[in-house]
Amino acid sequence: QVQLVESGGASVQAGGSLRLSCAASGLTFSGYYMGWFRQAPGKEREFVARISWRLGVTKYVDSVKGRFTISRDKVKNTVTLQMNGLKPEDTALYYCAAGGDGLSWQYWGQGTQVTVSS
């Protein structure tokens, strides 16, 4: 059974930093991409970042480039999203996801809330 469990969400002021973590289990990791998505109130869920488990190749949405960094720990089976320079528009429920091709996502976590105040 695949499980993705996010943690690290909090309320911070603009300009602050947070580190989100996703603990994953039940996957054959080498064949998967791991991603972070977010959904703000009244908006559709959007892609934030992804990483290929085997090679560590990353991709980001333009709005977070230079501020967010996604990484994975092959020993702990975790995926981390380091978020620096947070802005109020980063406020959202952040989800961890796993998918076989980096374009479609088969597994999702429950989400962790990030709130950035100005």
N, C-alpha and C. Protein backbone atom coordinates (compact mmCIF):
# COMPACT_ATOMS: atom_id res chain seq x y z
N GLN A 1 0.84 -1.19 0.00
CA GLN A 1 0.00 0.00 0.00
C GLN A 1 0.88 1.25 0.00
N VAL A 2 0.63 2.12 -0.96
CA VAL A 2 1.42 3.34 -1.07
C VAL A 2 0.90 4.39 -0.08
N GLN A 3 1.85 4.97 0.62
CA GLN A 3 1.51 6.06 1.55
C GLN A 3 2.44 7.23 1.34
N LEU A 4 1.87 8.41 1.27
CA LEU A 4 2.62 9.66 1.22
C LEU A 4 2.13 10.53 2.35
N VAL A 5 3.03 10.93 3.23
CA VAL A 5 2.64 11.70 4.41
C VAL A 5 3.46 12.98 4.44
N GLU A 6 2.78 14.11 4.31
CA GLU A 6 3.46 15.40 4.32
C GLU A 6 3.55 15.96 5.73
N SER A 7 4.56 16.81 5.94
CA SER A 7 4.71 17.52 7.20
C SER A 7 5.49 18.80 6.95
N GLY A 8 5.45 19.69 7.93
CA GLY A 8 6.26 20.90 7.84
C GLY A 8 5.51 22.17 7.55
N GLY A 9 4.23 22.07 7.24
CA GLY A 9 3.47 23.27 6.97
C GLY A 9 3.31 24.12 8.22
N ALA A 10 3.20 25.44 8.03
CA ALA A 10 3.09 26.36 9.17
C ALA A 10 2.67 27.72 8.66
N SER A 11 2.52 28.64 9.59
CA SER A 11 2.25 30.03 9.26
C SER A 11 3.54 30.82 9.45
N VAL A 12 3.92 31.58 8.42
CA VAL A 12 5.14 32.38 8.48
C VAL A 12 4.88 33.75 7.88
N GLN A 13 5.79 34.66 8.14
CA GLN A 13 5.68 35.98 7.52
C GLN A 13 6.39 35.99 6.18
N ALA A 14 5.98 36.91 5.35
CA ALA A 14 6.60 37.05 4.05
C ALA A 14 8.12 37.20 4.19
N GLY A 15 8.82 36.53 3.29
CA GLY A 15 10.27 36.53 3.34
C GLY A 15 10.86 35.38 4.14
N GLY A 16 10.02 34.68 4.86
CA GLY A 16 10.48 33.57 5.68
C GLY A 16 10.70 32.30 4.87
N SER A 17 11.06 31.25 5.58
CA SER A 17 11.37 29.96 4.96
C SER A 17 10.62 28.85 5.66
N LEU A 18 10.32 27.82 4.90
CA LEU A 18 9.76 26.58 5.44
C LEU A 18 10.36 25.41 4.71
N ARG A 19 10.35 24.28 5.38
CA ARG A 19 10.85 23.05 4.78
C ARG A 19 9.75 22.00 4.89
N LEU A 20 9.19 21.62 3.76
CA LEU A 20 8.16 20.59 3.73
C LEU A 20 8.81 19.24 3.48
N SER A 21 8.28 18.23 4.12
CA SER A 21 8.81 16.88 3.94
C SER A 21 7.68 15.93 3.58
N CYS A 22 8.00 14.95 2.76
CA CYS A 22 7.04 13.92 2.37
C CYS A 22 7.69 12.57 2.62
N ALA A 23 7.11 11.81 3.53
CA ALA A 23 7.59 10.46 3.81
C ALA A 23 6.82 9.48 2.94
N ALA A 24 7.54 8.73 2.13
CA ALA A 24 6.90 7.83 1.17
C ALA A 24 7.20 6.37 1.50
N SER A 25 6.22 5.51 1.27
CA SER A 25 6.41 4.09 1.46
C SER A 25 5.53 3.32 0.48
N GLY A 26 5.91 2.07 0.22
CA GLY A 26 5.11 1.22 -0.64
C GLY A 26 5.36 1.38 -2.12
N LEU A 27 6.40 2.14 -2.49
CA LEU A 27 6.70 2.37 -3.90
C LEU A 27 7.99 1.67 -4.31
N THR A 28 8.06 1.34 -5.58
CA THR A 28 9.35 0.99 -6.17
C THR A 28 9.93 2.30 -6.68
N PHE A 29 10.66 2.96 -5.84
CA PHE A 29 10.99 4.37 -6.04
C PHE A 29 11.73 4.65 -7.33
N SER A 30 12.59 3.72 -7.76
CA SER A 30 13.46 4.04 -8.88
C SER A 30 12.68 4.37 -10.14
N GLY A 31 11.47 3.89 -10.25
CA GLY A 31 10.69 4.14 -11.46
C GLY A 31 9.75 5.32 -11.37
N TYR A 32 9.87 6.10 -10.31
CA TYR A 32 8.88 7.14 -10.08
C TYR A 32 9.47 8.55 -10.09
N TYR A 33 8.58 9.47 -10.35
CA TYR A 33 8.81 10.88 -10.10
C TYR A 33 8.05 11.24 -8.82
N MET A 34 8.62 12.14 -8.04
CA MET A 34 7.95 12.68 -6.87
C MET A 34 7.72 14.17 -7.10
N GLY A 35 6.54 14.64 -6.71
CA GLY A 35 6.23 16.02 -6.98
C GLY A 35 5.55 16.71 -5.82
N TRP A 36 5.56 18.02 -5.89
CA TRP A 36 4.82 18.86 -4.97
C TRP A 36 3.82 19.69 -5.76
N PHE A 37 2.62 19.75 -5.25
CA PHE A 37 1.56 20.57 -5.83
C PHE A 37 0.98 21.44 -4.72
N ARG A 38 0.22 22.45 -5.12
CA ARG A 38 -0.44 23.29 -4.12
C ARG A 38 -1.80 23.74 -4.63
N GLN A 39 -2.68 23.99 -3.68
CA GLN A 39 -4.00 24.48 -4.03
C GLN A 39 -4.39 25.58 -3.06
N ALA A 40 -4.57 26.77 -3.60
CA ALA A 40 -5.00 27.91 -2.81
C ALA A 40 -6.52 27.97 -2.79
N PRO A 41 -7.11 28.61 -1.79
CA PRO A 41 -8.57 28.70 -1.72
C PRO A 41 -9.16 29.31 -2.98
N GLY A 42 -10.14 28.62 -3.54
CA GLY A 42 -10.81 29.12 -4.72
C GLY A 42 -10.06 28.94 -6.02
N LYS A 43 -8.91 28.26 -5.96
CA LYS A 43 -8.11 28.05 -7.15
C LYS A 43 -7.90 26.57 -7.42
N GLU A 44 -7.51 26.27 -8.64
CA GLU A 44 -7.23 24.88 -8.99
C GLU A 44 -5.85 24.48 -8.45
N ARG A 45 -5.71 23.20 -8.25
CA ARG A 45 -4.41 22.69 -7.83
C ARG A 45 -3.39 22.91 -8.93
N GLU A 46 -2.20 23.34 -8.54
CA GLU A 46 -1.16 23.60 -9.53
C GLU A 46 0.14 22.87 -9.18
N PHE A 47 0.86 22.54 -10.23
CA PHE A 47 2.17 21.92 -10.10
C PHE A 47 3.16 22.93 -9.52
N VAL A 48 4.02 22.48 -8.61
CA VAL A 48 5.05 23.33 -8.03
C VAL A 48 6.43 22.86 -8.44
N ALA A 49 6.73 21.56 -8.21
CA ALA A 49 8.06 21.04 -8.50
C ALA A 49 7.99 19.53 -8.58
N ARG A 50 8.96 18.95 -9.28
CA ARG A 50 9.05 17.50 -9.33
C ARG A 50 10.52 17.10 -9.38
N ILE A 51 10.77 15.84 -9.04
CA ILE A 51 12.13 15.30 -9.09
C ILE A 51 12.04 13.84 -9.50
N SER A 52 12.94 13.41 -10.37
CA SER A 52 12.99 12.00 -10.73
C SER A 52 13.78 11.28 -9.66
N TRP A 53 13.20 10.18 -9.19
CA TRP A 53 13.84 9.51 -8.05
C TRP A 53 15.21 8.96 -8.42
N ARG A 54 15.35 8.40 -9.62
CA ARG A 54 16.59 7.71 -9.96
C ARG A 54 17.72 8.70 -10.23
N LEU A 55 17.46 9.72 -11.06
CA LEU A 55 18.54 10.63 -11.47
C LEU A 55 18.51 11.97 -10.75
N GLY A 56 17.43 12.29 -10.08
CA GLY A 56 17.36 13.56 -9.37
C GLY A 56 17.15 14.77 -10.27
N VAL A 57 16.63 14.55 -11.46
CA VAL A 57 16.37 15.67 -12.36
C VAL A 57 15.15 16.44 -11.86
N THR A 58 15.25 17.76 -11.82
CA THR A 58 14.19 18.58 -11.23
C THR A 58 13.52 19.48 -12.26
N LYS A 59 12.32 19.89 -11.91
CA LYS A 59 11.56 20.83 -12.74
C LYS A 59 10.69 21.66 -11.79
N TYR A 60 10.56 22.97 -12.10
CA TYR A 60 9.81 23.88 -11.24
C TYR A 60 8.85 24.73 -12.06
N VAL A 61 7.79 25.14 -11.42
CA VAL A 61 6.94 26.15 -12.02
C VAL A 61 7.70 27.47 -11.95
N ASP A 62 7.49 28.33 -12.93
CA ASP A 62 8.28 29.56 -13.02
C ASP A 62 8.18 30.42 -11.76
N SER A 63 7.03 30.44 -11.13
CA SER A 63 6.81 31.34 -10.00
C SER A 63 7.64 31.00 -8.76
N VAL A 64 8.22 29.81 -8.73
CA VAL A 64 9.02 29.43 -7.54
C VAL A 64 10.49 29.23 -7.87
N LYS A 65 10.86 29.35 -9.13
CA LYS A 65 12.26 29.15 -9.50
C LYS A 65 13.15 30.14 -8.77
N GLY A 66 14.24 29.63 -8.23
CA GLY A 66 15.16 30.46 -7.48
C GLY A 66 14.79 30.62 -6.01
N ARG A 67 13.60 30.20 -5.65
CA ARG A 67 13.17 30.30 -4.24
C ARG A 67 12.95 28.94 -3.59
N PHE A 68 12.42 27.99 -4.36
CA PHE A 68 12.12 26.65 -3.84
C PHE A 68 13.13 25.65 -4.39
N THR A 69 13.43 24.64 -3.58
CA THR A 69 14.32 23.57 -4.01
C THR A 69 13.72 22.23 -3.59
N ILE A 70 13.58 21.33 -4.55
CA ILE A 70 13.09 19.99 -4.25
C ILE A 70 14.28 19.03 -4.22
N SER A 71 14.24 18.10 -3.29
CA SER A 71 15.31 17.11 -3.18
C SER A 71 14.74 15.80 -2.65
N ARG A 72 15.50 14.74 -2.82
CA ARG A 72 15.05 13.47 -2.27
C ARG A 72 16.18 12.80 -1.52
N ASP A 73 15.81 12.02 -0.52
CA ASP A 73 16.76 11.25 0.29
C ASP A 73 16.46 9.78 0.05
N LYS A 74 17.36 9.13 -0.66
CA LYS A 74 17.13 7.73 -1.04
C LYS A 74 17.23 6.78 0.14
N VAL A 75 17.87 7.18 1.19
CA VAL A 75 17.99 6.32 2.38
C VAL A 75 16.73 6.41 3.22
N LYS A 76 16.26 7.64 3.43
CA LYS A 76 15.09 7.84 4.28
C LYS A 76 13.78 7.74 3.51
N ASN A 77 13.88 7.66 2.17
CA ASN A 77 12.67 7.64 1.32
C ASN A 77 11.78 8.86 1.59
N THR A 78 12.41 10.01 1.58
CA THR A 78 11.67 11.25 1.77
C THR A 78 11.96 12.22 0.63
N VAL A 79 11.02 13.10 0.40
CA VAL A 79 11.15 14.18 -0.57
C VAL A 79 10.93 15.48 0.19
N THR A 80 11.79 16.44 -0.04
CA THR A 80 11.75 17.69 0.69
C THR A 80 11.56 18.86 -0.27
N LEU A 81 10.79 19.82 0.18
CA LEU A 81 10.64 21.06 -0.57
C LEU A 81 11.09 22.20 0.34
N GLN A 82 12.27 22.72 0.06
CA GLN A 82 12.80 23.86 0.80
C GLN A 82 12.25 25.12 0.16
N MET A 83 11.55 25.92 0.94
CA MET A 83 10.91 27.12 0.41
C MET A 83 11.50 28.35 1.10
N ASN A 84 12.16 29.18 0.33
CA ASN A 84 12.75 30.41 0.83
C ASN A 84 12.06 31.61 0.18
N GLY A 85 12.21 32.77 0.80
CA GLY A 85 11.63 33.96 0.23
C GLY A 85 10.14 33.84 0.02
N LEU A 86 9.44 33.30 0.99
CA LEU A 86 8.01 33.04 0.83
C LEU A 86 7.23 34.32 0.65
N LYS A 87 6.20 34.24 -0.17
CA LYS A 87 5.33 35.36 -0.49
C LYS A 87 3.90 35.01 -0.10
N PRO A 88 3.06 36.00 0.15
CA PRO A 88 1.65 35.69 0.47
C PRO A 88 0.98 34.83 -0.59
N GLU A 89 1.36 34.99 -1.85
CA GLU A 89 0.75 34.19 -2.91
C GLU A 89 1.19 32.73 -2.87
N ASP A 90 2.13 32.38 -2.00
CA ASP A 90 2.51 30.98 -1.82
C ASP A 90 1.57 30.27 -0.85
N THR A 91 0.67 31.02 -0.23
CA THR A 91 -0.28 30.42 0.70
C THR A 91 -1.14 29.40 -0.01
N ALA A 92 -1.16 28.17 0.52
CA ALA A 92 -1.91 27.09 -0.11
C ALA A 92 -1.78 25.82 0.72
N LEU A 93 -2.58 24.84 0.35
CA LEU A 93 -2.42 23.49 0.87
C LEU A 93 -1.45 22.78 -0.08
N TYR A 94 -0.36 22.29 0.46
CA TYR A 94 0.69 21.68 -0.35
C TYR A 94 0.58 20.16 -0.28
N TYR A 95 0.60 19.54 -1.44
CA TYR A 95 0.45 18.10 -1.56
C TYR A 95 1.71 17.47 -2.14
N CYS A 96 2.05 16.32 -1.63
CA CYS A 96 3.09 15.47 -2.20
C CYS A 96 2.41 14.45 -3.12
N ALA A 97 3.05 14.13 -4.23
CA ALA A 97 2.47 13.18 -5.17
C ALA A 97 3.57 12.30 -5.77
N ALA A 98 3.16 11.14 -6.26
CA ALA A 98 4.08 10.22 -6.92
C ALA A 98 3.46 9.77 -8.23
N GLY A 99 4.29 9.72 -9.27
CA GLY A 99 3.79 9.32 -10.57
C GLY A 99 4.86 8.62 -11.38
N GLY A 100 4.44 7.79 -12.32
CA GLY A 100 5.39 6.99 -13.07
C GLY A 100 6.07 7.71 -14.21
N ASP A 101 5.52 8.86 -14.68
CA ASP A 101 6.12 9.49 -15.84
C ASP A 101 6.37 10.98 -15.65
N GLY A 102 6.05 11.51 -14.47
CA GLY A 102 6.27 12.93 -14.22
C GLY A 102 5.21 13.82 -14.80
N LEU A 103 4.23 13.21 -15.48
CA LEU A 103 3.14 14.01 -16.07
C LEU A 103 1.80 13.65 -15.46
N SER A 104 1.60 12.39 -15.17
CA SER A 104 0.38 11.95 -14.49
C SER A 104 0.78 11.44 -13.11
N TRP A 105 -0.09 11.64 -12.14
CA TRP A 105 0.25 11.38 -10.74
C TRP A 105 -0.77 10.43 -10.14
N GLN A 106 -0.27 9.27 -9.73
CA GLN A 106 -1.15 8.20 -9.28
C GLN A 106 -1.43 8.24 -7.78
N TYR A 107 -0.50 8.76 -7.01
CA TYR A 107 -0.62 8.71 -5.57
C TYR A 107 -0.48 10.11 -4.98
N TRP A 108 -1.27 10.37 -3.95
CA TRP A 108 -1.30 11.69 -3.33
C TRP A 108 -1.31 11.59 -1.82
N GLY A 109 -0.68 12.57 -1.18
CA GLY A 109 -0.78 12.69 0.26
C GLY A 109 -2.00 13.51 0.64
N GLN A 110 -2.15 13.75 1.93
CA GLN A 110 -3.31 14.47 2.45
C GLN A 110 -3.11 15.99 2.44
N GLY A 111 -1.89 16.42 2.34
CA GLY A 111 -1.62 17.86 2.28
C GLY A 111 -1.16 18.45 3.60
N THR A 112 -0.41 19.54 3.50
CA THR A 112 0.04 20.28 4.66
C THR A 112 -0.12 21.77 4.34
N GLN A 113 -0.65 22.54 5.30
CA GLN A 113 -1.02 23.93 5.05
C GLN A 113 0.15 24.87 5.24
N VAL A 114 0.34 25.73 4.25
CA VAL A 114 1.34 26.80 4.33
C VAL A 114 0.59 28.13 4.23
N THR A 115 0.80 28.98 5.21
CA THR A 115 0.17 30.29 5.22
C THR A 115 1.25 31.36 5.37
N VAL A 116 1.29 32.29 4.42
CA VAL A 116 2.29 33.35 4.44
C VAL A 116 1.57 34.68 4.60
N SER A 117 1.89 35.39 5.65
CA SER A 117 1.26 36.68 5.91
C SER A 117 2.18 37.82 5.51
N SER A 118 1.58 38.91 5.08
CA SER A 118 2.37 40.05 4.62
C SER A 118 2.70 40.99 5.77
